[in-house]
Amino acid sequence: MIGCIPGLPIRHMLETDKYKLSMGNFVFNKYPNVRVKVKFFDRNQDHLGYMAPYLQEMVYKLCQLRMTPGSDKFLATQTYLSDDYVEWLMNVTYQPSEVKIENVNGQLEIMVSGLWHEVMHWETHLLPIISQKFMENKVDVKDVIESTKEMVARVNEWKLNLILMGLRRRAADWVEDYVSYSLKDCPTLVGVSNAYIAWKYNMSLVGTIAHEMYQTMAALVEKPYMAQYETLKQWAEFYKDQPSMLVALTDTYSTQAFWQDFDEELANIYWSLREDSSLDPFVFGEEAIHQYEKRRIDSKTKLIIFSNNLDLRKAHELQLAFEKYFKKVLPGIGGNTTNCFSPTFKKPNIVFKVIEANDMALCKLSDDPGKEIGTEEAKKPFKDHYKLNR
């Protein structure tokens, strides 16, 4: 079978985020034999275990998905992807054995295991399915229409340089489709992270590197604490002819650790920073200006992306605060564009995180304690090296 599968909220194999394509390309070409385990985390502890049988059914449906004719033409427009990786994508299929789903005392447990590049896209296919099931019967069409109309008005009024990142925690597939279509002609819209939406509506596909790259690198270097620096170096070398790919994610092992590794050479190479887990994005923005000054770099030559649970108003405030100090301020907004329509029901706070690579336990040390993962043993090399007191 190809294309849409009846009853499956994922409408196309390309319904994934750009950062999965860019990271998949990197891993496919540089680390094709790395094996990982990726775990589902429900930060709200919403007792989603009841979904287990439904999700098992969805896994089997996802395994029927194939690329459709013409997908290769779209992928060919993504010039950062190697020909070999595009060929692999055109023939890729999922295996149900890669995913284990259980209801454990009412909590949903999911573990994805396999070769890194082969299992990477499970996250961006399973999370929207879980989110849509969670929001089932909680979203009114009229609310979506009215809220989207207001969203378009605010983006135009405030001239927001908006990136739509609404795939993973969307209320429903049709909601992301409607919101994206409604916003696509806003003059300041930068683009969308969902590759299928970008293809469907001829929108710019925008994406960055994710925490999993920095995390997994810890198992691929001589010492775990070298992971962040090596990721920044290797990514820059691999995508040296694609400057738009050079966006540095700042908080895998804490922002404090990032500034220790982001030396003058790297700061000159990377054209943008992305803040995703700091405790205060305004404080981060001020610190970024200061850190560029220390490295004798004019921050006005750089971009800055804020993407930590923003809504439109906070995005507007950040853009106003820093547009004089950076070449461009780019707010990236996810669920607060595609799952913000029901004041009665909270949206899910769900993620997948890589927890193991080549049998080595991994961690994430966020500025936000709620986003940390990993054992104390896995965290210790980073805490010691970066002198983190936590």
Protein backbone atom coordinates (compact mmCIF):
# COMPACT_ATOMS: atom_id res chain seq x y z
CA MET A 1 0.00 0.00 0.00
CA ILE A 2 1.08 3.61 -0.51
CA GLY A 3 -0.03 7.01 0.66
CA CYS A 4 -2.94 7.35 3.07
CA ILE A 5 -4.04 4.35 5.15
CA PRO A 6 -7.71 4.39 6.30
CA GLY A 7 -7.97 5.28 9.98
CA LEU A 8 -4.34 6.42 10.25
CA PRO A 9 -3.85 10.08 11.30
CA ILE A 10 -0.46 10.14 9.55
CA ARG A 11 -1.34 10.85 5.95
CA HIS A 12 2.02 10.32 4.25
CA MET A 13 5.46 8.89 4.93
CA LEU A 14 6.76 12.47 4.60
CA GLU A 15 4.58 13.65 7.47
CA THR A 16 7.65 14.16 9.62
CA ASP A 17 9.69 17.15 10.78
CA LYS A 18 12.58 18.53 8.77
CA TYR A 19 15.05 17.99 11.60
CA LYS A 20 14.39 14.25 11.27
CA LEU A 21 15.36 14.42 7.60
CA SER A 22 18.52 16.44 8.23
CA MET A 23 19.60 14.24 11.16
CA GLY A 24 18.63 11.07 9.33
CA ASN A 25 20.80 12.13 6.41
CA PHE A 26 23.74 12.79 8.74
CA VAL A 27 23.35 9.47 10.58
CA PHE A 28 22.73 7.42 7.43
CA ASN A 29 25.97 8.70 5.92
CA LYS A 30 28.20 8.84 9.01
CA TYR A 31 26.84 6.42 11.62
CA PRO A 32 24.75 3.76 9.81
CA ASN A 33 25.47 1.00 12.35
CA VAL A 34 24.53 2.80 15.57
CA ARG A 35 21.72 1.16 17.50
CA VAL A 36 19.50 3.16 19.84
CA LYS A 37 16.63 2.86 22.29
CA VAL A 38 14.12 5.69 22.33
CA LYS A 39 11.59 6.01 25.16
CA PHE A 40 8.21 7.73 25.39
CA PHE A 41 7.75 10.21 28.26
CA ASP A 42 4.40 11.61 29.40
CA ARG A 43 5.46 14.63 31.44
CA ASN A 44 1.91 15.25 32.68
CA GLN A 45 1.41 11.64 33.76
CA ASP A 46 -2.03 11.66 32.14
CA HIS A 47 -2.60 7.89 32.46
CA LEU A 48 -2.53 7.22 28.73
CA GLY A 49 -2.17 3.46 29.13
CA TYR A 50 -5.68 2.95 27.77
CA MET A 51 -4.30 3.87 24.34
CA ALA A 52 -2.00 0.83 24.13
CA PRO A 53 -4.26 -1.44 22.01
CA TYR A 54 -5.16 1.44 19.69
CA LEU A 55 -1.51 2.42 19.24
CA GLN A 56 -0.54 -1.16 18.48
CA GLU A 57 -3.09 -1.08 15.68
CA MET A 58 -1.63 2.22 14.47
CA VAL A 59 1.87 0.73 14.45
CA TYR A 60 0.73 -1.98 12.04
CA LYS A 61 -0.93 0.65 9.87
CA LEU A 62 2.26 2.75 9.86
CA CYS A 63 4.14 -0.32 8.66
CA GLN A 64 1.96 -0.27 5.53
CA LEU A 65 2.95 3.29 4.60
CA ARG A 66 5.15 3.80 1.55
CA MET A 67 6.44 6.84 -0.28
CA THR A 68 4.11 7.93 -3.07
CA PRO A 69 5.10 8.72 -6.67
CA GLY A 70 6.45 12.25 -6.79
CA SER A 71 7.92 12.11 -3.27
CA ASP A 72 11.37 11.84 -4.82
CA LYS A 73 10.83 15.11 -6.70
CA PHE A 74 10.01 16.91 -3.48
CA LEU A 75 12.98 15.33 -1.69
CA ALA A 76 15.21 16.43 -4.57
CA THR A 77 14.36 20.03 -3.67
CA GLN A 78 15.91 19.41 -0.25
CA THR A 79 19.45 19.90 -1.49
CA TYR A 80 21.04 19.08 1.88
CA LEU A 81 19.99 15.42 1.47
CA SER A 82 22.39 13.01 -0.22
CA ASP A 83 21.19 11.01 -3.25
CA ASP A 84 21.81 7.75 -1.39
CA TYR A 85 19.69 8.86 1.55
CA VAL A 86 16.85 9.98 -0.73
CA GLU A 87 16.95 6.59 -2.46
CA TRP A 88 16.81 4.88 0.93
CA LEU A 89 13.87 7.05 2.03
CA MET A 90 11.96 6.19 -1.14
CA ASN A 91 12.14 2.51 -0.23
CA VAL A 92 11.94 2.64 3.56
CA THR A 93 9.38 0.64 5.51
CA TYR A 94 8.74 0.30 9.23
CA GLN A 95 8.96 -2.99 11.13
CA PRO A 96 6.45 -3.63 13.97
CA SER A 97 9.17 -5.37 15.96
CA GLU A 98 10.89 -1.99 16.41
CA VAL A 99 8.15 -0.76 18.76
CA LYS A 100 7.06 -2.18 22.11
CA ILE A 101 3.89 -0.71 23.63
CA GLU A 102 2.50 -1.51 27.09
CA ASN A 103 -0.08 -0.33 29.59
CA VAL A 104 1.75 -0.40 32.93
CA ASN A 105 -0.56 0.48 35.82
CA GLY A 106 -2.43 2.93 33.63
CA GLN A 107 0.67 4.64 32.26
CA LEU A 108 1.62 4.35 28.61
CA GLU A 109 5.05 2.87 28.02
CA ILE A 110 6.62 2.81 24.55
CA MET A 111 10.14 1.78 23.62
CA VAL A 112 11.52 2.05 20.09
CA SER A 113 14.67 0.05 19.33
CA GLY A 114 16.82 -0.48 16.25
CA LEU A 115 19.33 1.12 13.93
CA TRP A 116 19.29 4.84 14.57
CA HIS A 117 18.50 6.05 11.05
CA GLU A 118 15.85 3.36 10.59
CA VAL A 119 13.83 4.11 13.75
CA MET A 120 14.35 7.89 13.88
CA HIS A 121 10.98 8.81 12.36
CA TRP A 122 8.84 6.76 14.75
CA GLU A 123 8.80 9.76 17.11
CA THR A 124 7.27 12.21 14.64
CA HIS A 125 4.73 9.62 13.50
CA LEU A 126 3.64 8.28 16.90
CA LEU A 127 3.43 11.57 18.84
CA PRO A 128 0.77 13.15 16.57
CA ILE A 129 -1.26 9.94 16.79
CA ILE A 130 -1.11 9.95 20.59
CA SER A 131 -1.92 13.66 20.76
CA GLN A 132 -4.87 13.32 18.40
CA LYS A 133 -6.26 10.38 20.38
CA PHE A 134 -5.87 12.37 23.62
CA MET A 135 -7.75 15.33 22.12
CA GLU A 136 -10.50 13.17 20.59
CA ASN A 137 -13.93 14.83 20.94
CA LYS A 138 -12.34 17.83 22.68
CA VAL A 139 -11.94 20.16 19.70
CA ASP A 140 -14.76 22.10 18.08
CA VAL A 141 -14.48 23.06 14.40
CA LYS A 142 -15.89 26.53 15.07
CA ASP A 143 -13.25 27.14 17.75
CA VAL A 144 -10.49 26.14 15.34
CA ILE A 145 -11.83 28.45 12.63
CA GLU A 146 -12.21 31.43 14.97
CA SER A 147 -8.87 30.90 16.72
CA THR A 148 -7.06 30.50 13.41
CA LYS A 149 -8.63 33.68 12.08
CA GLU A 150 -7.36 35.51 15.17
CA MET A 151 -3.94 33.87 14.74
CA VAL A 152 -3.63 35.13 11.16
CA ALA A 153 -4.58 38.64 12.27
CA ARG A 154 -1.98 38.69 15.06
CA VAL A 155 0.82 37.32 12.86
CA ASN A 156 0.11 40.01 10.27
CA GLU A 157 -0.37 42.82 12.79
CA TRP A 158 2.82 41.96 14.70
CA LYS A 159 4.80 40.96 11.60
CA LEU A 160 5.89 37.78 13.35
CA ASN A 161 8.75 35.86 11.70
CA LEU A 162 6.90 32.68 12.59
CA ILE A 163 8.04 29.08 12.15
CA LEU A 164 5.19 26.57 12.46
CA MET A 165 6.33 23.54 14.49
CA GLY A 166 2.92 22.05 15.21
CA LEU A 167 3.15 18.43 14.05
CA ARG A 168 4.05 16.46 17.16
CA ARG A 169 1.37 17.68 19.60
CA ARG A 170 -1.37 18.76 17.21
CA ALA A 171 -5.03 18.36 18.08
CA ALA A 172 -5.70 16.53 14.82
CA ASP A 173 -4.27 16.10 11.33
CA TRP A 174 -6.95 18.33 9.79
CA VAL A 175 -6.21 21.04 12.38
CA GLU A 176 -2.55 21.34 11.43
CA ASP A 177 -3.58 21.31 7.79
CA TYR A 178 -6.13 24.10 8.27
CA VAL A 179 -3.84 26.27 10.40
CA SER A 180 -0.91 25.88 8.00
CA TYR A 181 -3.03 26.64 4.95
CA SER A 182 -4.54 29.69 6.67
CA LEU A 183 -1.14 31.11 7.64
CA LYS A 184 0.80 30.24 4.49
CA ASP A 185 0.24 33.59 2.80
CA CYS A 186 1.22 35.71 5.80
CA PRO A 187 4.14 37.80 4.46
CA THR A 188 6.38 37.20 7.48
CA LEU A 189 5.76 33.47 7.85
CA VAL A 190 9.16 31.79 7.61
CA GLY A 191 7.93 28.26 6.99
CA VAL A 192 6.70 25.00 8.43
CA SER A 193 8.52 22.02 9.96
CA ASN A 194 6.15 19.33 8.59
CA ALA A 195 7.60 18.08 5.29
CA TYR A 196 4.24 16.83 4.00
CA ILE A 197 2.55 20.18 4.66
CA ALA A 198 5.45 22.03 3.02
CA TRP A 199 5.10 19.84 -0.07
CA LYS A 200 1.32 20.00 -0.17
CA TYR A 201 1.07 23.79 0.09
CA ASN A 202 4.40 24.78 -1.49
CA MET A 203 5.68 26.27 1.76
CA SER A 204 9.28 26.62 2.91
CA LEU A 205 10.41 23.61 4.93
CA VAL A 206 12.22 24.76 8.06
CA GLY A 207 13.96 22.73 10.72
CA THR A 208 16.88 22.44 13.09
CA ILE A 209 18.94 19.79 14.80
CA ALA A 210 17.41 18.07 17.86
CA HIS A 211 18.68 17.03 21.28
CA GLU A 212 18.94 13.39 20.23
CA MET A 213 21.97 14.17 18.07
CA TYR A 214 23.92 15.69 20.97
CA GLN A 215 22.74 12.94 23.32
CA THR A 216 23.61 10.01 21.07
CA MET A 217 27.02 11.42 20.22
CA ALA A 218 28.02 10.68 23.84
CA ALA A 219 28.22 6.99 22.88
CA LEU A 220 30.29 7.70 19.78
CA VAL A 221 33.17 9.75 21.20
CA GLU A 222 36.12 8.94 23.43
CA LYS A 223 34.64 10.64 26.51
CA PRO A 224 30.88 11.29 26.95
CA TYR A 225 31.39 14.96 27.83
CA MET A 226 32.90 15.51 24.37
CA ALA A 227 29.49 14.88 22.81
CA GLN A 228 28.28 18.47 22.49
CA TYR A 229 31.51 19.85 21.04
CA GLU A 230 31.87 16.92 18.64
CA THR A 231 28.28 17.29 17.47
CA LEU A 232 28.80 20.96 16.73
CA LYS A 233 32.08 20.27 14.88
CA GLN A 234 30.90 17.26 12.90
CA TRP A 235 27.55 18.81 11.96
CA ALA A 236 29.28 21.96 10.73
CA GLU A 237 31.73 19.94 8.65
CA PHE A 238 29.05 17.67 7.20
CA TYR A 239 26.79 20.59 6.22
CA LYS A 240 29.53 23.09 5.41
CA ASP A 241 27.99 23.75 1.99
CA GLN A 242 24.51 24.24 3.49
CA PRO A 243 24.71 27.30 5.76
CA SER A 244 20.98 27.23 6.55
CA MET A 245 21.58 23.92 8.35
CA LEU A 246 24.00 25.50 10.80
CA VAL A 247 21.70 26.15 13.75
CA ALA A 248 23.18 25.39 17.19
CA LEU A 249 20.82 23.95 19.80
CA THR A 250 21.91 25.41 23.12
CA ASP A 251 20.57 23.31 25.98
CA THR A 252 21.14 19.55 25.71
CA TYR A 253 23.55 19.56 28.65
CA SER A 254 22.49 22.99 30.03
CA THR A 255 23.04 26.44 28.61
CA GLN A 256 26.03 26.88 30.92
CA ALA A 257 27.68 23.86 29.28
CA PHE A 258 26.85 25.12 25.80
CA TRP A 259 28.70 28.43 26.23
CA GLN A 260 31.78 26.52 27.40
CA ASP A 261 31.89 24.55 24.13
CA PHE A 262 30.71 27.25 21.72
CA ASP A 263 34.09 28.83 21.06
CA GLU A 264 34.87 31.69 18.69
CA GLU A 265 35.41 29.38 15.72
CA LEU A 266 32.04 27.67 16.15
CA ALA A 267 30.29 30.96 16.88
CA ASN A 268 31.53 32.30 13.56
CA ILE A 269 30.53 29.16 11.64
CA TYR A 270 27.01 28.80 13.01
CA TRP A 271 24.56 31.35 11.65
CA SER A 272 21.92 30.86 14.36
CA LEU A 273 21.19 29.72 17.90
CA ARG A 274 18.04 27.91 19.00
CA GLU A 275 16.88 28.24 22.61
CA ASP A 276 14.48 25.46 23.60
CA SER A 277 14.74 24.79 27.35
CA SER A 278 16.06 27.82 29.17
CA LEU A 279 14.26 29.01 32.30
CA ASP A 280 13.81 32.50 30.84
CA PRO A 281 14.20 33.17 27.09
CA PHE A 282 14.68 36.91 27.71
CA VAL A 283 17.63 36.19 29.99
CA PHE A 284 18.98 33.79 27.37
CA GLY A 285 18.71 36.43 24.65
CA GLU A 286 20.67 38.94 26.73
CA GLU A 287 23.31 36.31 27.49
CA ALA A 288 23.58 35.41 23.79
CA ILE A 289 24.36 39.06 22.95
CA HIS A 290 26.99 39.10 25.70
CA GLN A 291 28.56 35.83 24.55
CA TYR A 292 28.83 37.05 20.96
CA GLU A 293 30.48 40.25 22.23
CA LYS A 294 33.02 38.17 24.18
CA ARG A 295 33.87 36.37 20.95
CA ARG A 296 34.19 39.65 19.04
CA ILE A 297 31.16 38.87 16.89
CA ASP A 298 28.40 41.32 16.02
CA SER A 299 25.12 39.67 17.06
CA LYS A 300 23.40 41.63 14.28
CA THR A 301 25.02 39.21 11.82
CA LYS A 302 23.29 36.24 13.52
CA LEU A 303 19.78 34.84 13.84
CA ILE A 304 18.18 33.63 17.04
CA ILE A 305 15.36 31.10 17.31
CA PHE A 306 13.15 30.80 20.39
CA SER A 307 11.03 27.64 20.59
CA ASN A 308 10.33 26.85 24.24
CA ASN A 309 6.55 26.55 24.65
CA LEU A 310 5.81 29.92 23.08
CA ASP A 311 2.44 31.39 22.31
CA LEU A 312 1.91 34.26 19.87
CA ARG A 313 2.06 37.01 22.48
CA LYS A 314 5.30 35.78 24.03
CA ALA A 315 6.75 35.35 20.55
CA HIS A 316 5.83 38.96 19.80
CA GLU A 317 7.43 40.18 23.02
CA LEU A 318 10.66 38.30 22.26
CA GLN A 319 10.77 39.63 18.72
CA LEU A 320 10.33 43.19 19.98
CA ALA A 321 12.95 42.73 22.69
CA PHE A 322 15.71 41.42 20.42
CA GLU A 323 15.05 42.53 16.85
CA LYS A 324 17.53 45.41 17.26
CA TYR A 325 20.29 43.07 18.40
CA PHE A 326 20.03 40.19 15.89
CA LYS A 327 19.73 39.97 12.12
CA LYS A 328 16.37 38.28 12.66
CA VAL A 329 14.40 36.86 15.59
CA LEU A 330 12.52 33.69 14.66
CA PRO A 331 9.88 32.36 17.05
CA GLY A 332 9.08 28.68 16.53
CA ILE A 333 5.66 27.69 17.87
CA GLY A 334 4.32 24.15 18.13
CA GLY A 335 1.22 23.06 20.03
CA ASN A 336 0.19 26.66 20.67
CA THR A 337 -0.66 26.94 16.97
CA THR A 338 -2.16 23.48 16.33
CA ASN A 339 -3.56 22.55 19.75
CA CYS A 340 -4.71 25.74 21.45
CA PHE A 341 -8.44 25.67 20.86
CA SER A 342 -9.92 24.20 24.02
CA PRO A 343 -9.65 26.18 27.27
CA THR A 344 -11.38 23.30 29.05
CA PHE A 345 -8.82 20.62 28.19
CA LYS A 346 -5.08 20.85 28.60
CA LYS A 347 -3.02 19.59 25.69
CA PRO A 348 -0.65 16.66 26.19
CA ASN A 349 2.98 17.17 27.17
CA ILE A 350 4.56 14.18 25.50
CA VAL A 351 8.00 13.48 24.06
CA PHE A 352 10.29 10.70 22.91
CA LYS A 353 13.91 10.83 24.08
CA VAL A 354 16.84 8.63 23.18
CA ILE A 355 18.00 6.85 26.34
CA GLU A 356 20.59 4.42 25.03
CA ALA A 357 23.01 4.08 22.12
CA ASN A 358 25.23 1.07 21.43
CA ASP A 359 24.29 -0.26 24.90
CA MET A 360 25.44 2.94 26.64
CA ALA A 361 23.00 4.88 28.85
CA LEU A 362 22.44 8.49 27.75
CA CYS A 363 21.15 11.61 29.47
CA LYS A 364 19.86 15.12 28.93
CA LEU A 365 20.70 17.94 31.36
CA SER A 366 18.20 20.68 30.71
CA ASP A 367 17.99 24.07 32.42
CA ASP A 368 14.40 23.01 33.14
CA PRO A 369 14.52 20.13 35.68
CA GLY A 370 11.28 18.76 34.24
CA LYS A 371 13.04 18.07 30.95
CA GLU A 372 16.03 16.19 32.39
CA ILE A 373 16.39 12.47 31.74
CA GLY A 374 18.96 9.83 32.60
CA THR A 375 20.56 8.22 35.62
CA GLU A 376 22.98 10.02 37.91
CA GLU A 377 25.72 7.74 36.62
CA ALA A 378 25.05 8.88 33.04
CA LYS A 379 24.93 12.55 34.10
CA LYS A 380 28.10 12.50 36.21
CA PRO A 381 30.71 12.96 33.41
CA PHE A 382 28.88 16.07 32.22
CA LYS A 383 28.36 17.52 35.69
CA ASP A 384 32.03 17.02 36.52
CA HIS A 385 33.39 18.36 33.24
CA TYR A 386 31.16 21.42 33.06
CA LYS A 387 31.16 21.99 36.85
CA LEU A 388 27.39 21.90 37.07
CA ASN A 389 26.03 22.21 40.59
CA ARG A 390 22.66 20.45 40.56
